[in-house]
Protein backbone atom coordinates (compact mmCIF):
# COMPACT_ATOMS: atom_id res chain seq x y z
CA MET A 1 7.69 -18.41 -9.66
CA LYS A 2 4.52 -17.42 -10.53
CA LYS A 3 3.44 -15.17 -13.23
CA ARG A 4 2.72 -12.16 -12.60
CA VAL A 5 -0.31 -10.02 -14.40
CA MET A 6 -1.90 -6.64 -14.02
CA GLY A 7 -5.62 -6.62 -13.36
CA LEU A 8 -8.64 -4.91 -11.76
CA LEU A 9 -10.85 -8.62 -11.19
CA ILE A 10 -9.46 -12.16 -11.21
CA SER A 11 -13.17 -14.12 -10.37
CA GLY A 12 -13.18 -15.16 -13.89
CA VAL A 13 -9.73 -16.76 -13.49
CA LEU A 14 -10.01 -18.38 -9.95
CA MET A 15 -13.02 -19.61 -10.88
CA ALA A 16 -11.79 -21.67 -13.98
CA ALA A 17 -9.60 -22.92 -11.46
CA MET A 18 -11.43 -24.06 -8.69
CA SER A 19 -11.89 -27.29 -7.36
CA LEU A 20 -15.66 -29.13 -7.87
CA THR A 21 -15.85 -30.02 -4.41
CA ALA A 22 -15.81 -27.35 -2.19
CA LEU A 23 -14.84 -27.80 1.84
CA ALA A 24 -17.88 -27.14 4.53
CA ASP A 25 -17.47 -22.86 4.93
CA ASP A 26 -18.09 -23.05 8.78
CA ALA A 27 -14.77 -25.24 8.38
CA TYR A 28 -12.41 -23.07 7.19
CA LEU A 29 -10.41 -20.20 8.90
CA VAL A 30 -8.42 -17.76 7.65
CA GLY A 31 -6.00 -15.26 9.91
CA PHE A 32 -5.40 -11.75 8.76
CA ALA A 33 -2.62 -9.89 11.07
CA ASN A 34 -2.51 -5.71 9.57
CA ASN A 35 0.35 -3.89 9.94
CA SER A 36 -1.32 -0.82 11.81
CA ASP A 37 -5.06 0.13 12.54
CA THR A 38 -3.35 3.76 12.69
CA TYR A 39 -2.68 3.72 8.92
CA ASP A 40 -6.28 5.27 6.89
CA TYR A 41 -5.41 2.88 4.08
CA CYS A 42 -4.44 -0.33 6.90
CA ALA A 43 -8.00 0.65 8.70
CA LYS A 44 -10.18 0.95 5.71
CA PHE A 45 -8.83 -2.20 4.21
CA ARG A 46 -9.33 -4.54 7.20
CA THR A 47 -13.15 -3.30 7.36
CA TYR A 48 -12.92 -4.24 3.56
CA LEU A 49 -11.58 -7.65 4.11
CA LYS A 50 -13.59 -8.42 7.23
CA ASP A 51 -16.76 -7.81 5.25
CA ALA A 52 -15.85 -9.36 1.89
CA THR A 53 -14.14 -12.07 3.13
CA GLU A 54 -17.79 -13.26 5.40
CA ALA A 55 -19.55 -12.57 2.22
CA GLN A 56 -17.98 -15.59 0.96
CA GLY A 57 -18.92 -17.64 4.11
CA ILE A 58 -15.41 -17.75 5.47
CA GLU A 59 -14.27 -16.84 8.65
CA ILE A 60 -11.46 -14.75 9.62
CA MET A 61 -9.47 -13.67 12.81
CA VAL A 62 -7.89 -10.15 12.41
CA THR A 63 -5.49 -8.33 14.26
CA ASP A 64 -3.55 -5.52 14.75
CA ALA A 65 0.41 -5.45 14.86
CA GLY A 66 0.57 -1.92 16.11
CA GLY A 67 3.56 -1.57 13.38
CA ASP A 68 5.40 -4.16 15.07
CA THR A 69 6.92 -6.90 12.81
CA ASN A 70 7.26 -9.42 15.52
CA VAL A 71 4.73 -9.02 17.31
CA GLN A 72 2.39 -9.41 13.85
CA ASN A 73 5.05 -12.85 13.39
CA GLY A 74 3.63 -13.74 17.06
CA GLN A 75 -0.16 -13.11 15.71
CA ILE A 76 0.57 -15.33 12.69
CA ASP A 77 2.36 -17.90 14.63
CA ASP A 78 -0.93 -17.97 17.01
CA PHE A 79 -3.50 -18.18 13.55
CA ILE A 80 -1.33 -20.96 12.53
CA VAL A 81 -1.24 -22.77 16.39
CA GLN A 82 -5.77 -22.27 16.22
CA ASN A 83 -5.75 -24.21 12.62
CA ALA A 84 -6.29 -21.43 10.18
CA GLN A 85 -6.25 -22.76 6.93
CA VAL A 86 -4.69 -19.55 5.32
CA VAL A 87 -2.73 -16.62 6.99
CA SER A 88 -2.28 -13.43 5.38
CA ALA A 89 -1.26 -9.88 6.44
CA ILE A 90 -0.33 -6.45 5.22
CA SER A 91 3.36 -7.76 5.76
CA ASN A 92 5.46 -4.85 8.18
CA ASP A 93 8.74 -5.57 6.36
CA LEU A 94 10.56 -6.89 3.70
CA SER A 95 13.13 -8.83 5.68
CA GLY A 96 11.42 -9.02 9.02
CA SER A 97 8.08 -10.85 7.90
CA VAL A 98 10.33 -13.92 6.57
CA PRO A 99 9.86 -15.81 9.83
CA ALA A 100 6.27 -15.43 9.22
CA LEU A 101 5.96 -16.70 5.49
CA LYS A 102 8.72 -19.69 6.82
CA ALA A 103 6.12 -20.73 9.85
CA ALA A 104 3.41 -20.73 6.78
CA GLU A 105 5.52 -22.64 4.57
CA GLU A 106 6.52 -24.96 6.93
CA ALA A 107 2.53 -25.92 8.30
CA GLY A 108 1.83 -26.20 4.39
CA ILE A 109 -0.47 -23.15 4.52
CA PRO A 110 -0.81 -20.53 2.00
CA TYR A 111 0.45 -16.68 2.86
CA ILE A 112 -1.37 -13.68 0.79
CA SER A 113 0.93 -10.69 1.28
CA PHE A 114 -1.44 -7.33 1.02
CA LEU A 115 -0.04 -4.37 -0.43
CA THR A 116 3.64 -5.50 0.64
CA SER A 117 5.84 -8.01 0.11
CA VAL A 118 8.27 -10.04 1.62
CA SER A 119 11.78 -11.31 0.70
CA GLY A 120 11.70 -14.80 -0.50
CA GLY A 121 8.05 -15.13 -1.41
CA ASP A 122 8.26 -16.14 -5.03
CA ASP A 123 10.18 -18.81 -3.44
CA TYR A 124 7.21 -20.43 -2.22
CA PRO A 125 4.35 -21.67 -4.37
CA GLY A 126 1.94 -21.07 -1.55
CA TYR A 127 2.61 -17.59 -1.28
CA ILE A 128 0.67 -14.98 -3.23
CA TYR A 129 0.51 -10.98 -3.42
CA VAL A 130 -1.84 -8.47 -3.96
CA GLY A 131 -1.76 -5.47 -4.52
CA SER A 132 -0.91 -2.02 -6.18
CA PRO A 133 2.29 -1.65 -8.56
CA ASN A 134 4.30 1.03 -6.31
CA VAL A 135 6.66 1.76 -9.07
CA GLU A 136 3.78 3.25 -10.83
CA ALA A 137 2.83 5.82 -8.19
CA GLY A 138 6.36 7.39 -7.82
CA LYS A 139 6.45 7.48 -11.48
CA ALA A 140 3.05 9.37 -11.63
CA GLN A 141 4.83 11.55 -8.88
CA GLY A 142 7.71 12.07 -11.60
CA GLU A 143 5.73 12.64 -14.32
CA TYR A 144 3.56 15.40 -12.81
CA LEU A 145 6.66 17.34 -10.94
CA VAL A 146 8.20 17.08 -14.94
CA GLU A 147 5.17 18.53 -16.50
CA VAL A 148 4.89 21.13 -13.61
CA LEU A 149 7.85 22.35 -11.75
CA PRO A 150 10.28 25.55 -13.04
CA GLU A 151 13.34 25.10 -14.40
CA ASP A 152 16.19 24.47 -12.12
CA ALA A 153 13.72 23.19 -9.49
CA LYS A 154 14.98 21.39 -6.23
CA ILE A 155 13.08 18.84 -4.38
CA LEU A 156 12.99 16.96 -0.78
CA TYR A 157 12.21 13.24 -0.36
CA PHE A 158 10.30 12.13 2.64
CA THR A 159 10.31 8.32 2.85
CA GLY A 160 9.25 4.82 4.53
CA GLU A 161 11.73 2.48 5.94
CA PRO A 162 14.13 1.57 3.49
CA ASN A 163 13.83 -2.10 4.03
CA ASP A 164 10.49 -1.86 2.41
CA GLN A 165 9.60 -2.68 -1.09
CA GLN A 166 7.16 -0.09 -1.13
CA TYR A 167 9.80 2.36 -0.49
CA ILE A 168 12.44 0.60 -3.28
CA ASP A 169 9.67 0.50 -5.78
CA ARG A 170 7.83 4.03 -5.07
CA LYS A 171 11.62 5.36 -4.94
CA GLN A 172 12.46 3.93 -8.56
CA GLY A 173 9.34 4.65 -10.08
CA LEU A 174 10.20 8.66 -9.28
CA THR A 175 13.68 8.32 -9.91
CA ASP A 176 13.01 6.81 -13.67
CA ALA A 177 10.31 9.54 -14.24
CA LEU A 178 12.48 12.61 -13.43
CA ALA A 179 15.20 11.63 -15.38
CA ALA A 180 13.52 13.10 -18.53
CA ARG A 181 14.49 16.61 -16.94
CA ASP A 182 18.29 16.76 -15.61
CA ASP A 183 17.33 19.82 -13.86
CA ILE A 184 15.64 19.00 -11.17
CA GLU A 185 17.66 18.46 -8.04
CA ILE A 186 16.72 16.07 -5.46
CA LEU A 187 18.34 17.79 -2.50
CA ASP A 188 17.98 15.11 0.20
CA GLU A 189 15.83 12.23 1.43
CA TYR A 190 14.41 11.59 4.98
CA ASN A 191 13.09 8.32 6.59
CA VAL A 192 9.97 10.09 8.16
CA GLN A 193 8.26 6.40 8.54
CA ASN A 194 5.58 7.60 6.47
CA GLY A 195 4.11 9.00 10.01
CA LYS A 196 2.54 12.01 10.23
CA ASP A 197 3.85 13.78 13.08
CA LEU A 198 7.54 13.00 11.98
CA GLY A 199 6.64 14.45 8.50
CA MET A 200 5.39 18.03 9.80
CA SER A 201 8.33 17.96 12.42
CA THR A 202 10.92 16.75 9.18
CA ALA A 203 9.19 20.21 7.14
CA GLU A 204 9.60 22.39 9.73
CA ASP A 205 13.48 21.43 10.17
CA CYS A 206 13.85 21.45 6.57
CA ILE A 207 12.23 24.83 6.30
CA MET A 208 15.22 25.93 8.66
CA SER A 209 17.80 24.18 7.01
CA TYR A 210 17.27 25.26 3.07
CA ASP A 211 17.16 28.10 1.50
CA HIS A 212 14.24 27.19 -1.08
CA PHE A 213 12.79 23.78 -2.54
CA ASP A 214 9.82 23.47 -4.97
CA ALA A 215 8.44 20.61 -3.92
CA ILE A 216 8.14 17.71 -1.25
CA VAL A 217 7.47 14.43 -2.54
CA CYS A 218 6.03 12.19 0.04
CA GLN A 219 5.75 8.30 0.01
CA ASN A 220 2.45 8.29 1.70
CA ASP A 221 -0.45 10.78 1.93
CA ASP A 222 0.36 10.60 6.08
CA SER A 223 2.73 12.67 5.98
CA ALA A 224 2.25 14.50 3.06
CA LEU A 225 -0.76 15.79 5.51
CA GLY A 226 2.03 16.48 8.21
CA VAL A 227 4.15 18.81 5.36
CA VAL A 228 1.12 20.41 4.65
CA GLN A 229 0.75 21.76 8.05
CA ALA A 230 4.29 22.65 8.22
CA LEU A 231 4.08 24.24 5.59
CA LYS A 232 0.98 26.45 6.30
CA THR A 233 2.20 27.28 9.62
CA ASN A 234 4.89 28.95 8.02
CA ASP A 235 3.10 30.56 5.18
CA MET A 236 4.66 28.59 2.53
CA LEU A 237 2.07 26.30 1.33
CA ALA A 238 1.49 28.83 -1.79
CA ASP A 239 5.35 28.17 -2.49
CA VAL A 240 5.69 24.61 -2.21
CA LEU A 241 4.18 21.54 -3.95
CA VAL A 242 3.19 18.34 -1.94
CA LEU A 243 2.75 14.87 -3.03
CA GLY A 244 1.43 11.65 -1.62
CA ILE A 245 0.61 8.25 -2.42
CA ASP A 246 -2.60 6.25 -1.21
CA GLY A 247 -5.94 8.29 -1.94
CA SER A 248 -6.97 8.59 1.42
CA ASP A 249 -10.16 10.43 2.18
CA PRO A 250 -7.91 13.16 4.11
CA ALA A 251 -5.80 13.75 1.10
CA LEU A 252 -8.32 13.95 -0.83
CA GLU A 253 -9.72 16.90 1.06
CA SER A 254 -6.72 18.87 1.01
CA ILE A 255 -6.35 18.54 -2.21
CA LYS A 256 -9.80 19.68 -2.61
CA ASN A 257 -8.91 22.91 -0.83
CA GLY A 258 -5.92 23.38 -2.72
CA GLU A 259 -3.06 22.22 -0.26
CA MET A 260 -1.77 18.55 -1.48
CA ALA A 261 -1.03 18.98 -5.48
CA MET A 262 -1.48 15.32 -5.99
CA THR A 263 -1.51 11.60 -4.82
CA ALA A 264 -1.33 8.32 -6.52
CA LEU A 265 -4.78 6.16 -5.36
CA GLN A 266 -4.45 2.55 -3.94
CA ASP A 267 -7.82 0.79 -4.80
CA ALA A 268 -8.54 -0.70 -1.10
CA LYS A 269 -11.85 -1.87 -1.71
CA GLY A 270 -10.83 -3.44 -4.96
CA GLN A 271 -7.56 -5.19 -3.20
CA ALA A 272 -9.46 -6.49 -0.59
CA GLU A 273 -12.16 -8.10 -2.80
CA ALA A 274 -9.80 -9.53 -4.78
CA GLY A 275 -8.32 -11.38 -1.67
CA ALA A 276 -11.69 -12.20 -0.37
CA GLU A 277 -12.05 -14.57 -3.84
CA ILE A 278 -8.78 -16.15 -3.41
CA PHE A 279 -9.47 -16.96 0.40
CA ALA A 280 -12.89 -18.83 -1.77
CA ALA A 281 -10.82 -20.11 -4.07
CA LEU A 282 -8.33 -21.60 -1.70
CA ARG A 283 -11.53 -23.09 0.38
CA ASP A 284 -12.93 -24.55 -2.67
CA GLY A 285 -9.45 -26.51 -3.51
CA THR A 286 -7.46 -24.62 -6.05
CA ASP A 287 -3.84 -25.27 -5.88
CA PRO A 288 -2.29 -21.98 -4.72
CA ALA A 289 0.41 -22.29 -7.26
CA GLU A 290 -2.02 -21.73 -9.69
CA ILE A 291 -3.50 -18.53 -8.29
CA GLU A 292 -1.51 -15.43 -9.94
CA ASP A 293 -0.63 -12.28 -7.99
CA VAL A 294 -2.92 -9.68 -8.40
CA PHE A 295 -1.82 -6.04 -9.29
CA ILE A 296 -4.92 -3.59 -9.20
CA PRO A 297 -3.75 -0.08 -10.66
CA PHE A 298 -3.50 3.37 -9.15
CA GLN A 299 -5.56 6.08 -10.11
CA ILE A 300 -3.98 9.43 -10.32
CA VAL A 301 -5.89 12.27 -8.09
CA THR A 302 -4.98 16.17 -8.44
CA ALA A 303 -7.24 19.19 -8.19
CA ASP A 304 -8.76 18.60 -12.09
CA ASN A 305 -10.55 15.04 -10.92
CA VAL A 306 -10.34 14.96 -7.36
CA ASP A 307 -14.23 15.58 -7.22
CA GLU A 308 -14.72 12.32 -9.38
CA TYR A 309 -13.50 10.42 -5.85
CA LEU A 310 -14.85 12.36 -3.20
CA ALA A 311 -18.47 11.69 -4.69
CA GLY A 312 -17.29 8.13 -4.34
CA GLY A 313 -17.15 7.21 -8.09
CA ALA A 314 -14.05 4.71 -7.01
CA GLU A 315 -15.13 3.94 -3.71
CA THR A 316 -11.56 3.85 -2.53
CA GLU A 317 -9.84 4.42 0.34
CA ALA A 318 -5.97 4.14 0.69
CA GLU A 319 -3.08 4.38 3.49
């Protein structure tokens, strides 16, 4: 298992490991299978990755799986057939993406998983993860709630798919942080598939089902924005905190407007640039087993500091 490290930049580590002899730029091809272009983070990440990779003189094929694991696995198979030297993806499913990982392993080429991980990845020396520490995002949400919620508070938890490592890690971070107070109760958990429409409709159902709740905590910003819409329609926004993860532009605007309470922002540009540097290192002969996984920290955004991010200070957009 490769050693995992935190860091904002990996250039120095990669440069130290690069081979002195590089392959011709026009001979190197990578493939990237996006999870779904409908998600703000995924769309922005796709653009950043394409730009950063091409700036390295590397050709990149980009596809959109539309959230379908089988489609994404097929796209990665196609990359391999087209002689891509590296395949990469925002892997759609912790277990469902294993066939794509196995296909890369059988072809003897590296598999780079952005944002989400794949079961068994650490057992393949050609597997590299680039993303953010999702436990820390959930922990940030929990710490915020511990500080601001009233006594005997009740919350609802809106999540993504339970077979996604993001779900597991973000929930773990949240529950660990909430343990600092024994009077906060999670009334229930709902899989809203991290979607805006399902987040909104589920929030509307919860408004009818529960007499009272103090916060709705979401595992991404899209679902949080759907919750905001439901609360606004029912004149409850002033009484319920809404938390998200990703730091999308619409979420930042929502925080600025006094709607969402906070989000944990992912540095999509930083992740993409780290990925492009890995592609370049692989092209130049670095053994993938020598390249460490990359973790880029989340940035916590509330009404107190949202202007810094709206002004472009972090140059980050997310899922």
